[in-house]
Amino acid sequence: MGREAIVSRTFTTQKVTVMAVNLETAEVFNDTIVLPKVYAGDKLMKKVEAVYNNEQHKAVQIVDTATVETLYGMSEDEFIKSAKVLDPKTRKAVEQ
């Protein structure tokens, strides 16, 4: 019997270390988040603030950033069970 068919895709993400402040204790600390795309300059900080800031903590500065490429995969059976059917022309989900 042959190998199982796999659906795969490489995603580029951005690992960002941010200097943050705990809004309750005023403690300053570094935290790491992963963004699903790669951003630069002001767009990076705006995205970090949108994703990270809440009532407990706030990002104040970017400390470090790295681009990470990761290959993901799953069997065709898993893919068909989990994926949404898309319209080939619009690439939007089709109601089932």
N, C-alpha and C. Protein backbone atom coordinates (compact mmCIF):
# COMPACT_ATOMS: atom_id res chain seq x y z
N MET A 1 0.84 -1.18 0.00
CA MET A 1 0.00 0.00 0.00
C MET A 1 0.88 1.24 0.00
N GLY A 2 0.49 2.26 -0.77
CA GLY A 2 1.28 3.47 -0.91
C GLY A 2 1.16 4.42 0.27
N ARG A 3 1.90 5.50 0.18
CA ARG A 3 1.86 6.50 1.24
C ARG A 3 0.54 7.24 1.21
N GLU A 4 0.14 7.71 2.36
CA GLU A 4 -1.09 8.48 2.48
C GLU A 4 -0.88 9.88 1.88
N ALA A 5 -1.85 10.34 1.10
CA ALA A 5 -1.75 11.67 0.49
C ALA A 5 -1.90 12.74 1.57
N ILE A 6 -1.04 13.75 1.48
CA ILE A 6 -1.01 14.83 2.47
C ILE A 6 -1.27 16.16 1.77
N VAL A 7 -2.06 17.01 2.42
CA VAL A 7 -2.24 18.39 1.99
C VAL A 7 -1.32 19.22 2.87
N SER A 8 -0.48 20.06 2.26
CA SER A 8 0.47 20.84 3.06
C SER A 8 0.50 22.29 2.60
N ARG A 9 0.94 23.13 3.52
CA ARG A 9 1.08 24.55 3.21
C ARG A 9 2.11 25.15 4.15
N THR A 10 2.95 26.02 3.62
CA THR A 10 3.93 26.72 4.43
C THR A 10 3.37 28.09 4.81
N PHE A 11 3.41 28.38 6.11
CA PHE A 11 2.95 29.67 6.62
C PHE A 11 4.14 30.45 7.14
N THR A 12 4.17 31.74 6.84
CA THR A 12 5.18 32.63 7.39
C THR A 12 4.52 33.43 8.50
N THR A 13 5.06 33.30 9.71
CA THR A 13 4.54 34.03 10.86
C THR A 13 5.64 34.92 11.42
N GLN A 14 5.25 35.78 12.32
CA GLN A 14 6.21 36.69 12.93
C GLN A 14 6.17 36.50 14.44
N LYS A 15 7.29 36.09 15.01
CA LYS A 15 7.43 35.93 16.45
C LYS A 15 7.92 37.27 17.00
N VAL A 16 7.14 37.88 17.88
CA VAL A 16 7.45 39.22 18.38
C VAL A 16 7.59 39.19 19.90
N THR A 17 8.73 39.67 20.39
CA THR A 17 8.90 39.86 21.83
C THR A 17 8.59 41.32 22.13
N VAL A 18 7.64 41.52 23.04
CA VAL A 18 7.23 42.88 23.38
C VAL A 18 7.53 43.17 24.84
N MET A 19 7.94 44.40 25.10
CA MET A 19 8.01 44.87 26.47
C MET A 19 6.60 45.32 26.82
N ALA A 20 6.09 44.80 27.93
CA ALA A 20 4.72 45.10 28.31
C ALA A 20 4.68 45.54 29.77
N VAL A 21 3.56 46.13 30.14
CA VAL A 21 3.36 46.52 31.53
C VAL A 21 2.07 45.90 32.03
N ASN A 22 2.13 45.34 33.24
CA ASN A 22 0.95 44.83 33.91
C ASN A 22 0.21 46.05 34.45
N LEU A 23 -1.01 46.27 34.01
CA LEU A 23 -1.75 47.48 34.36
C LEU A 23 -2.25 47.48 35.80
N GLU A 24 -2.24 46.33 36.47
CA GLU A 24 -2.67 46.27 37.87
C GLU A 24 -1.51 46.47 38.83
N THR A 25 -0.33 45.93 38.49
CA THR A 25 0.81 45.99 39.41
C THR A 25 1.91 46.94 38.95
N ALA A 26 1.82 47.44 37.74
CA ALA A 26 2.83 48.31 37.11
C ALA A 26 4.15 47.57 36.86
N GLU A 27 4.14 46.25 36.93
CA GLU A 27 5.32 45.44 36.64
C GLU A 27 5.59 45.46 35.14
N VAL A 28 6.85 45.65 34.77
CA VAL A 28 7.27 45.63 33.37
C VAL A 28 7.89 44.26 33.10
N PHE A 29 7.52 43.67 31.96
CA PHE A 29 8.01 42.33 31.63
C PHE A 29 8.03 42.17 30.12
N ASN A 30 8.75 41.16 29.65
CA ASN A 30 8.76 40.80 28.23
C ASN A 30 7.82 39.63 28.01
N ASP A 31 7.14 39.65 26.89
CA ASP A 31 6.23 38.59 26.52
C ASP A 31 6.40 38.33 25.03
N THR A 32 6.12 37.12 24.59
CA THR A 32 6.27 36.77 23.18
C THR A 32 4.93 36.36 22.61
N ILE A 33 4.61 36.91 21.43
CA ILE A 33 3.38 36.54 20.72
C ILE A 33 3.76 36.15 19.29
N VAL A 34 2.86 35.44 18.64
CA VAL A 34 3.07 35.05 17.24
C VAL A 34 1.94 35.65 16.41
N LEU A 35 2.33 36.40 15.39
CA LEU A 35 1.37 37.02 14.47
C LEU A 35 1.29 36.16 13.21
N PRO A 36 0.10 36.06 12.61
CA PRO A 36 -0.07 35.17 11.46
C PRO A 36 0.54 35.71 10.16
N LYS A 37 1.00 36.91 10.14
CA LYS A 37 1.66 37.50 8.96
C LYS A 37 2.89 38.26 9.42
N VAL A 38 3.61 38.86 8.49
CA VAL A 38 4.80 39.64 8.81
C VAL A 38 4.49 41.11 8.61
N TYR A 39 4.80 41.92 9.62
CA TYR A 39 4.54 43.36 9.59
C TYR A 39 5.84 44.11 9.84
N ALA A 40 5.87 45.39 9.46
CA ALA A 40 7.06 46.21 9.68
C ALA A 40 6.66 47.60 10.16
N GLY A 41 7.59 48.27 10.82
CA GLY A 41 7.39 49.66 11.23
C GLY A 41 6.17 49.87 12.10
N ASP A 42 5.46 50.98 11.81
CA ASP A 42 4.27 51.34 12.60
C ASP A 42 3.19 50.28 12.52
N LYS A 43 3.09 49.60 11.39
CA LYS A 43 2.06 48.55 11.23
C LYS A 43 2.29 47.41 12.22
N LEU A 44 3.55 47.10 12.51
CA LEU A 44 3.85 46.04 13.46
C LEU A 44 3.35 46.41 14.85
N MET A 45 3.68 47.59 15.33
CA MET A 45 3.25 47.99 16.67
C MET A 45 1.73 48.09 16.75
N LYS A 46 1.09 48.59 15.71
CA LYS A 46 -0.37 48.68 15.71
C LYS A 46 -1.00 47.30 15.79
N LYS A 47 -0.45 46.33 15.06
CA LYS A 47 -0.98 44.97 15.09
C LYS A 47 -0.76 44.34 16.46
N VAL A 48 0.43 44.54 17.02
CA VAL A 48 0.73 44.01 18.35
C VAL A 48 -0.25 44.59 19.37
N GLU A 49 -0.47 45.89 19.33
CA GLU A 49 -1.41 46.52 20.27
C GLU A 49 -2.82 45.96 20.10
N ALA A 50 -3.25 45.76 18.86
CA ALA A 50 -4.60 45.25 18.60
C ALA A 50 -4.77 43.83 19.13
N VAL A 51 -3.74 43.02 19.00
CA VAL A 51 -3.81 41.62 19.41
C VAL A 51 -3.53 41.45 20.91
N TYR A 52 -2.63 42.26 21.45
CA TYR A 52 -2.09 42.01 22.78
C TYR A 52 -2.76 42.80 23.91
N ASN A 53 -3.02 44.07 23.66
CA ASN A 53 -3.51 44.94 24.73
C ASN A 53 -4.88 44.52 25.24
N ASN A 54 -5.03 44.52 26.57
CA ASN A 54 -6.32 44.26 27.20
C ASN A 54 -6.35 44.94 28.57
N GLU A 55 -7.29 44.57 29.41
CA GLU A 55 -7.41 45.21 30.72
C GLU A 55 -6.29 44.84 31.68
N GLN A 56 -5.57 43.73 31.43
CA GLN A 56 -4.50 43.29 32.32
C GLN A 56 -3.12 43.80 31.92
N HIS A 57 -2.86 43.90 30.62
CA HIS A 57 -1.51 44.29 30.19
C HIS A 57 -1.55 45.11 28.90
N LYS A 58 -0.45 45.85 28.70
CA LYS A 58 -0.34 46.72 27.53
C LYS A 58 1.08 46.63 26.98
N ALA A 59 1.20 46.46 25.66
CA ALA A 59 2.50 46.45 24.99
C ALA A 59 3.01 47.89 24.89
N VAL A 60 4.28 48.10 25.24
CA VAL A 60 4.83 49.44 25.17
C VAL A 60 5.97 49.59 24.17
N GLN A 61 6.63 48.46 23.84
CA GLN A 61 7.75 48.55 22.90
C GLN A 61 8.06 47.18 22.33
N ILE A 62 8.50 47.16 21.07
CA ILE A 62 8.97 45.92 20.44
C ILE A 62 10.42 45.71 20.86
N VAL A 63 10.72 44.54 21.42
CA VAL A 63 12.08 44.22 21.86
C VAL A 63 12.82 43.43 20.79
N ASP A 64 12.12 42.48 20.16
CA ASP A 64 12.76 41.62 19.16
C ASP A 64 11.69 41.05 18.24
N THR A 65 12.09 40.71 17.04
CA THR A 65 11.16 40.10 16.09
C THR A 65 11.91 39.11 15.21
N ALA A 66 11.23 38.04 14.85
CA ALA A 66 11.82 37.04 13.97
C ALA A 66 10.74 36.48 13.05
N THR A 67 11.11 36.24 11.82
CA THR A 67 10.20 35.63 10.86
C THR A 67 10.41 34.12 10.89
N VAL A 68 9.30 33.38 10.97
CA VAL A 68 9.38 31.93 11.09
C VAL A 68 8.53 31.30 9.99
N GLU A 69 9.13 30.40 9.22
CA GLU A 69 8.38 29.63 8.22
C GLU A 69 8.16 28.23 8.76
N THR A 70 6.89 27.79 8.74
CA THR A 70 6.54 26.48 9.27
C THR A 70 5.68 25.76 8.23
N LEU A 71 6.04 24.52 7.95
CA LEU A 71 5.27 23.69 7.03
C LEU A 71 4.26 22.89 7.84
N TYR A 72 2.98 23.08 7.53
CA TYR A 72 1.90 22.35 8.18
C TYR A 72 1.33 21.34 7.19
N GLY A 73 0.78 20.26 7.71
CA GLY A 73 0.18 19.27 6.84
C GLY A 73 -0.83 18.41 7.56
N MET A 74 -1.71 17.82 6.78
CA MET A 74 -2.70 16.87 7.30
C MET A 74 -3.12 15.95 6.17
N SER A 75 -3.70 14.83 6.54
CA SER A 75 -4.13 13.90 5.51
C SER A 75 -5.25 14.52 4.69
N GLU A 76 -5.42 14.04 3.46
CA GLU A 76 -6.51 14.55 2.63
C GLU A 76 -7.87 14.31 3.29
N ASP A 77 -8.03 13.16 3.95
CA ASP A 77 -9.30 12.86 4.64
C ASP A 77 -9.59 13.90 5.72
N GLU A 78 -8.58 14.23 6.55
CA GLU A 78 -8.75 15.25 7.59
C GLU A 78 -9.09 16.60 6.97
N PHE A 79 -8.39 16.92 5.88
CA PHE A 79 -8.60 18.20 5.21
C PHE A 79 -10.04 18.32 4.71
N ILE A 80 -10.53 17.31 4.04
CA ILE A 80 -11.89 17.34 3.49
C ILE A 80 -12.92 17.44 4.61
N LYS A 81 -12.69 16.76 5.73
CA LYS A 81 -13.61 16.83 6.86
C LYS A 81 -13.60 18.21 7.52
N SER A 82 -12.45 18.86 7.57
CA SER A 82 -12.30 20.11 8.32
C SER A 82 -12.46 21.38 7.49
N ALA A 83 -12.14 21.31 6.21
CA ALA A 83 -12.09 22.52 5.38
C ALA A 83 -13.48 22.97 4.95
N LYS A 84 -13.59 24.27 4.67
CA LYS A 84 -14.83 24.81 4.11
C LYS A 84 -14.75 24.75 2.59
N VAL A 85 -15.89 24.52 1.95
CA VAL A 85 -15.95 24.52 0.50
C VAL A 85 -16.00 25.97 0.04
N LEU A 86 -15.13 26.32 -0.93
CA LEU A 86 -15.05 27.69 -1.43
C LEU A 86 -15.55 27.77 -2.86
N ASP A 87 -16.12 28.91 -3.20
CA ASP A 87 -16.50 29.20 -4.58
C ASP A 87 -15.20 29.46 -5.34
N PRO A 88 -14.95 28.75 -6.43
CA PRO A 88 -13.68 28.92 -7.16
C PRO A 88 -13.47 30.32 -7.72
N LYS A 89 -14.55 31.04 -8.02
CA LYS A 89 -14.41 32.38 -8.59
C LYS A 89 -14.17 33.43 -7.52
N THR A 90 -14.95 33.39 -6.44
CA THR A 90 -14.85 34.43 -5.40
C THR A 90 -13.94 34.03 -4.25
N ARG A 91 -13.66 32.73 -4.11
CA ARG A 91 -12.86 32.18 -3.02
C ARG A 91 -13.51 32.42 -1.66
N LYS A 92 -14.82 32.64 -1.66
CA LYS A 92 -15.58 32.80 -0.43
C LYS A 92 -16.30 31.50 -0.13
N ALA A 93 -16.58 31.27 1.18
CA ALA A 93 -17.24 30.04 1.60
C ALA A 93 -18.61 29.88 0.94
N VAL A 94 -18.90 28.66 0.54
CA VAL A 94 -20.17 28.32 -0.05
C VAL A 94 -21.07 27.76 1.05
N GLU A 95 -22.31 28.25 1.13
CA GLU A 95 -23.25 27.73 2.12
C GLU A 95 -23.58 26.30 1.77
N GLN A 96 -23.57 25.42 2.74
CA GLN A 96 -23.87 24.00 2.49
C GLN A 96 -25.24 23.64 3.03
